C-alpha atoms as a PDB file:
ATOM      1  CA  UNK A   1      87.683 162.901 100.159  1.00  0.00           C
ATOM      2  CA  UNK A   2      91.361 162.469 100.985  1.00  0.00           C
ATOM      3  CA  UNK A   3      93.069 159.429 102.438  1.00  0.00           C
ATOM      4  CA  UNK A   4      94.656 160.016 105.837  1.00  0.00           C
ATOM      5  CA  UNK A   5      98.360 159.331 105.444  1.00  0.00           C
ATOM      6  CA  UNK A   6     100.548 158.536 108.410  1.00  0.00           C
ATOM      7  CA  UNK A   7     104.086 159.728 108.015  1.00  0.00           C
ATOM      8  CA  UNK A   8     105.907 157.110 110.039  1.00  0.00           C
ATOM      9  CA  UNK A   9     109.518 158.075 110.518  1.00  0.00           C
ATOM     10  CA  UNK A  10     112.506 155.911 111.309  1.00  0.00           C
ATOM     11  CA  UNK A  11     116.170 155.625 110.428  1.00  0.00           C
ATOM     12  CA  UNK A  12     116.178 151.922 111.232  1.00  0.00           C
ATOM     13  CA  UNK A  13     118.308 149.242 109.662  1.00  0.00           C
ATOM     14  CA  UNK A  14     119.099 145.775 111.041  1.00  0.00           C
ATOM     15  CA  UNK A  15     122.648 147.013 111.729  1.00  0.00           C
ATOM     16  CA  UNK A  16     121.432 150.224 113.398  1.00  0.00           C
ATOM     17  CA  UNK A  17     118.060 149.629 115.071  1.00  0.00           C
ATOM     18  CA  UNK A  18     115.834 152.637 115.708  1.00  0.00           C
ATOM     19  CA  UNK A  19     112.292 153.247 116.940  1.00  0.00           C
ATOM     20  CA  UNK A  20     109.311 154.146 114.803  1.00  0.00           C
ATOM     21  CA  UNK A  21     107.660 157.543 115.322  1.00  0.00           C
ATOM     22  CA  UNK A  22     103.981 157.296 114.447  1.00  0.00           C
ATOM     23  CA  UNK A  23     101.775 160.425 114.443  1.00  0.00           C
ATOM     24  CA  UNK A  24      98.337 159.715 115.892  1.00  0.00           C
ATOM     25  CA  UNK A  25      95.470 162.221 116.087  1.00  0.00           C
ATOM     26  CA  UNK A  26      93.917 163.051 119.447  1.00  0.00           C
ATOM     27  CA  UNK A  27      90.150 163.157 119.015  1.00  0.00           C
ATOM     28  CA  UNK A  28      87.880 165.456 120.965  1.00  0.00           C
ATOM     29  CA  UNK A  29      86.021 162.344 122.123  1.00  0.00           C
ATOM     30  CA  UNK A  30      89.259 161.022 123.687  1.00  0.00           C
ATOM     31  CA  UNK A  31      88.844 163.573 126.483  1.00  0.00           C
ATOM     32  CA  UNK A  32      87.070 162.839 129.736  1.00  0.00           C
ATOM     33  CA  UNK A  33      85.220 165.155 132.120  1.00  0.00           C
ATOM     34  CA  UNK A  34      88.556 166.398 133.503  1.00  0.00           C
ATOM     35  CA  UNK A  35      89.639 167.657 130.076  1.00  0.00           C
ATOM     36  CA  UNK A  36      92.471 165.208 129.542  1.00  0.00           C
ATOM     37  CA  UNK A  37      92.847 162.088 127.424  1.00  0.00           C
ATOM     38  CA  UNK A  38      90.999 159.291 129.210  1.00  0.00           C
ATOM     39  CA  UNK A  39      92.978 156.219 130.239  1.00  0.00           C
ATOM     40  CA  UNK A  40      90.926 153.997 127.898  1.00  0.00           C
ATOM     41  CA  UNK A  41      91.547 156.413 125.015  1.00  0.00           C
ATOM     42  CA  UNK A  42      95.293 156.108 125.641  1.00  0.00           C
ATOM     43  CA  UNK A  43      94.972 152.392 124.831  1.00  0.00           C
ATOM     44  CA  UNK A  44      93.441 153.410 121.481  1.00  0.00           C
ATOM     45  CA  UNK A  45      96.323 155.792 120.726  1.00  0.00           C
ATOM     46  CA  UNK A  46      98.789 152.945 121.292  1.00  0.00           C
ATOM     47  CA  UNK A  47      96.683 150.582 119.196  1.00  0.00           C
ATOM     48  CA  UNK A  48      96.530 153.052 116.299  1.00  0.00           C
ATOM     49  CA  UNK A  49     100.320 153.379 116.331  1.00  0.00           C
ATOM     50  CA  UNK A  50     100.820 149.612 116.527  1.00  0.00           C
ATOM     51  CA  UNK A  51      98.484 148.991 113.587  1.00  0.00           C
ATOM     52  CA  UNK A  52     100.134 151.712 111.478  1.00  0.00           C
ATOM     53  CA  UNK A  53     103.586 150.292 112.217  1.00  0.00           C
ATOM     54  CA  UNK A  54     103.027 146.551 111.932  1.00  0.00           C
ATOM     55  CA  UNK A  55      99.851 145.502 110.091  1.00  0.00           C
ATOM     56  CA  UNK A  56      99.993 144.947 106.359  1.00  0.00           C
ATOM     57  CA  UNK A  57      97.032 146.350 104.372  1.00  0.00           C
ATOM     58  CA  UNK A  58      95.379 144.137 101.793  1.00  0.00           C
ATOM     59  CA  UNK A  59      96.735 144.548  98.232  1.00  0.00           C
ATOM     60  CA  UNK A  60      93.594 146.349  97.055  1.00  0.00           C
ATOM     61  CA  UNK A  61      93.950 148.825  99.947  1.00  0.00           C
ATOM     62  CA  UNK A  62      97.601 149.436  99.037  1.00  0.00           C
ATOM     63  CA  UNK A  63      96.503 150.118  95.460  1.00  0.00           C
ATOM     64  CA  UNK A  64      94.070 152.741  96.770  1.00  0.00           C
ATOM     65  CA  UNK A  65      96.773 154.556  98.738  1.00  0.00           C
ATOM     66  CA  UNK A  66      97.061 152.771 102.096  1.00  0.00           C
ATOM     67  CA  UNK A  67     100.575 153.144 103.429  1.00  0.00           C
ATOM     68  CA  UNK A  68     102.928 150.151 103.547  1.00  0.00           C
ATOM     69  CA  UNK A  69     104.042 149.731 107.173  1.00  0.00           C
ATOM     70  CA  UNK A  70     107.797 149.812 107.696  1.00  0.00           C
ATOM     71  CA  UNK A  71     107.745 146.821 110.069  1.00  0.00           C
ATOM     72  CA  UNK A  72     105.035 144.648 108.479  1.00  0.00           C
ATOM     73  CA  UNK A  73     104.244 141.466 110.380  1.00  0.00           C
ATOM     74  CA  UNK A  74     103.220 138.276 108.563  1.00  0.00           C
ATOM     75  CA  UNK A  75      99.706 138.464 110.004  1.00  0.00           C
ATOM     76  CA  UNK A  76      96.175 138.841 108.738  1.00  0.00           C
ATOM     77  CA  UNK A  77      93.676 141.353 109.930  1.00  0.00           C
ATOM     78  CA  UNK A  78      90.569 143.166 108.882  1.00  0.00           C
ATOM     79  CA  UNK A  79      90.460 143.279 105.103  1.00  0.00           C
ATOM     80  CA  UNK A  80      93.225 140.757 104.482  1.00  0.00           C
ATOM     81  CA  UNK A  81      92.929 137.150 103.432  1.00  0.00           C
ATOM     82  CA  UNK A  82      96.477 136.189 102.519  1.00  0.00           C
ATOM     83  CA  UNK A  83      97.643 134.574 105.762  1.00  0.00           C
ATOM     84  CA  UNK A  84      96.220 132.441 108.527  1.00  0.00           C
ATOM     85  CA  UNK A  85      98.233 134.103 111.283  1.00  0.00           C
ATOM     86  CA  UNK A  86      96.684 136.601 113.684  1.00  0.00           C
ATOM     87  CA  UNK A  87      97.891 138.399 116.779  1.00  0.00           C
ATOM     88  CA  UNK A  88      96.387 138.593 120.227  1.00  0.00           C
ATOM     89  CA  UNK A  89      97.345 140.926 123.037  1.00  0.00           C
ATOM     90  CA  UNK A  90      98.703 138.941 125.979  1.00  0.00           C
ATOM     91  CA  UNK A  91      99.339 141.919 128.256  1.00  0.00           C
ATOM     92  CA  UNK A  92      99.368 145.686 128.282  1.00  0.00           C
ATOM     93  CA  UNK A  93     100.885 148.079 130.798  1.00  0.00           C
ATOM     94  CA  UNK A  94     100.609 151.861 130.793  1.00  0.00           C
ATOM     95  CA  UNK A  95     102.143 154.389 133.154  1.00  0.00           C
ATOM     96  CA  UNK A  96     100.599 157.820 132.916  1.00  0.00           C
ATOM     97  CA  UNK A  97     103.391 160.327 133.488  1.00  0.00           C
ATOM     98  CA  UNK A  98     101.475 163.572 133.019  1.00  0.00           C
ATOM     99  CA  UNK A  99      98.115 164.775 131.780  1.00  0.00           C
ATOM    100  CA  UNK A 100      97.544 165.003 128.050  1.00  0.00           C
ATOM    101  CA  UNK A 101      94.894 167.458 126.920  1.00  0.00           C
ATOM    102  CA  UNK A 102      93.396 167.857 123.469  1.00  0.00           C
ATOM    103  CA  UNK A 103      96.027 168.686 120.865  1.00  0.00           C
ATOM    104  CA  UNK A 104      95.109 169.620 117.329  1.00  0.00           C
ATOM    105  CA  UNK A 105      98.590 168.524 116.270  1.00  0.00           C
ATOM    106  CA  UNK A 106      98.033 165.086 117.823  1.00  0.00           C
ATOM    107  CA  UNK A 107     100.745 163.031 119.457  1.00  0.00           C
ATOM    108  CA  UNK A 108     103.743 161.058 118.297  1.00  0.00           C
ATOM    109  CA  UNK A 109     103.832 157.503 119.561  1.00  0.00           C
ATOM    110  CA  UNK A 110     107.423 156.324 119.570  1.00  0.00           C
ATOM    111  CA  UNK A 111     107.532 152.528 119.545  1.00  0.00           C
ATOM    112  CA  UNK A 112     110.113 149.801 119.316  1.00  0.00           C
ATOM    113  CA  UNK A 113     110.403 146.104 119.993  1.00  0.00           C
ATOM    114  CA  UNK A 114     112.055 145.450 123.334  1.00  0.00           C
ATOM    115  CA  UNK A 115     111.813 141.683 122.913  1.00  0.00           C
ATOM    116  CA  UNK A 116     111.364 139.292 119.992  1.00  0.00           C
ATOM    117  CA  UNK A 117     110.370 135.895 121.346  1.00  0.00           C
ATOM    118  CA  UNK A 118     109.567 132.619 119.633  1.00  0.00           C
ATOM    119  CA  UNK A 119     105.898 133.428 119.025  1.00  0.00           C
ATOM    120  CA  UNK A 120     105.637 136.791 120.769  1.00  0.00           C
ATOM    121  CA  UNK A 121     106.738 140.387 120.392  1.00  0.00           C
ATOM    122  CA  UNK A 122     107.012 143.012 123.110  1.00  0.00           C
ATOM    123  CA  UNK A 123     106.469 146.602 121.972  1.00  0.00           C
ATOM    124  CA  UNK A 124     107.472 149.501 124.203  1.00  0.00           C
ATOM    125  CA  UNK A 125     106.085 153.001 123.661  1.00  0.00           C
ATOM    126  CA  UNK A 126     106.523 156.628 124.646  1.00  0.00           C
ATOM    127  CA  UNK A 127     103.639 159.022 123.986  1.00  0.00           C
ATOM    128  CA  UNK A 128     105.204 162.330 122.965  1.00  0.00           C
ATOM    129  CA  UNK A 129     104.393 165.565 121.200  1.00  0.00           C
ATOM    130  CA  UNK A 130     106.175 167.106 118.240  1.00  0.00           C
ATOM    131  CA  UNK A 131     107.734 169.766 120.466  1.00  0.00           C
ATOM    132  CA  UNK A 132     109.615 167.040 122.405  1.00  0.00           C
ATOM    133  CA  UNK A 133     111.382 164.944 119.747  1.00  0.00           C
ATOM    134  CA  UNK A 134     113.995 163.738 122.248  1.00  0.00           C
ATOM    135  CA  UNK A 135     111.290 162.243 124.468  1.00  0.00           C
ATOM    136  CA  UNK A 136     112.404 164.030 127.632  1.00  0.00           C
ATOM    137  CA  UNK A 137     108.870 164.584 128.932  1.00  0.00           C
ATOM    138  CA  UNK A 138     106.603 161.735 127.768  1.00  0.00           C
ATOM    139  CA  UNK A 139     102.928 161.764 128.619  1.00  0.00           C
ATOM    140  CA  UNK A 140     102.872 157.990 129.011  1.00  0.00           C
ATOM    141  CA  UNK A 141     105.131 154.936 128.917  1.00  0.00           C
ATOM    142  CA  UNK A 142     103.657 151.631 127.842  1.00  0.00           C
ATOM    143  CA  UNK A 143     104.332 148.038 126.894  1.00  0.00           C
ATOM    144  CA  UNK A 144     102.276 145.516 124.923  1.00  0.00           C
ATOM    145  CA  UNK A 145     103.016 141.816 124.546  1.00  0.00           C
ATOM    146  CA  UNK A 146     101.595 140.405 121.299  1.00  0.00           C
ATOM    147  CA  UNK A 147     101.407 136.702 120.497  1.00  0.00           C
ATOM    148  CA  UNK A 148     101.223 135.357 116.953  1.00  0.00           C
ATOM    149  CA  UNK A 149      98.579 132.640 116.702  1.00  0.00           C
ATOM    150  CA  UNK A 150      97.015 130.380 114.124  1.00  0.00           C
ATOM    151  CA  UNK A 151      93.815 132.263 113.209  1.00  0.00           C
ATOM    152  CA  UNK A 152      91.766 129.058 113.145  1.00  0.00           C
ATOM    153  CA  UNK A 153      93.069 127.152 116.179  1.00  0.00           C
ATOM    154  CA  UNK A 154      94.409 129.947 118.372  1.00  0.00           C
ATOM    155  CA  UNK A 155      97.671 128.025 118.884  1.00  0.00           C
ATOM    156  CA  UNK A 156     100.893 130.066 119.040  1.00  0.00           C
ATOM    157  CA  UNK A 157     102.859 130.291 115.780  1.00  0.00           C
ATOM    158  CA  UNK A 158     106.621 130.797 115.778  1.00  0.00           C
ATOM    159  CA  UNK A 159     107.920 133.863 114.020  1.00  0.00           C
ATOM    160  CA  UNK A 160     109.865 132.858 110.912  1.00  0.00           C
ATOM    161  CA  UNK A 161     113.564 133.741 110.734  1.00  0.00           C
ATOM    162  CA  UNK A 162     113.125 136.158 107.805  1.00  0.00           C
ATOM    163  CA  UNK A 163     110.482 138.175 109.693  1.00  0.00           C
ATOM    164  CA  UNK A 164     112.572 138.036 112.872  1.00  0.00           C
ATOM    165  CA  UNK A 165     115.586 139.479 111.020  1.00  0.00           C
ATOM    166  CA  UNK A 166     113.613 142.325 109.442  1.00  0.00           C
ATOM    167  CA  UNK A 167     112.040 143.220 112.806  1.00  0.00           C
ATOM    168  CA  UNK A 168     115.478 143.535 114.443  1.00  0.00           C
ATOM    169  CA  UNK A 169     115.711 146.953 112.748  1.00  0.00           C
ATOM    170  CA  UNK A 170     113.065 148.183 115.196  1.00  0.00           C
ATOM    171  CA  UNK A 171     114.513 146.832 118.449  1.00  0.00           C
ATOM    172  CA  UNK A 172     115.632 148.791 121.472  1.00  0.00           C
ATOM    173  CA  UNK A 173     116.194 148.590 125.190  1.00  0.00           C
ATOM    174  CA  UNK A 174     113.159 147.762 127.350  1.00  0.00           C
ATOM    175  CA  UNK A 175     111.557 150.585 129.285  1.00  0.00           C
ATOM    176  CA  UNK A 176     111.901 150.748 133.040  1.00  0.00           C
ATOM    177  CA  UNK A 177     108.600 151.167 134.858  1.00  0.00           C
ATOM    178  CA  UNK A 178     108.047 152.408 138.395  1.00  0.00           C
ATOM    179  CA  UNK A 179     106.739 149.815 140.788  1.00  0.00           C
END
């Protein structure tokens, strides 16, 4: 059995911020009766990209081949016990630009941080395919606001300066949505 490896690409540095391009598979079960990716499945595609980009695997998982995320947050999650900080989703917005059918080559979720707040991060996304690396014809535009919280109390936790500085490498301009 092989380990699925994400090949997250970026040319980011704190001096020259850039987005992260995260390949995400499109599953057959993501399709609805109309033959396109269901709106709820689109939320999963964004979640998969966000987890691959930001959530640190436990040390034993890294030792077994899990990929180190380029923009690791100081948070805990499933399989980790080394921090008492978690994240919650405060809001999510998705604009569906065009229909996305099943693709054996999956999609590329381009994501970046459009805002780094005191205890929150705003991630913007474009859902693309490999044949559109410039992002001229996205399938969806999206935004997620994540809040860092104390895992026990649920109270917001400020992002430390060191983490804030490293995350600046993945910042970009906020998306404009139609209203």
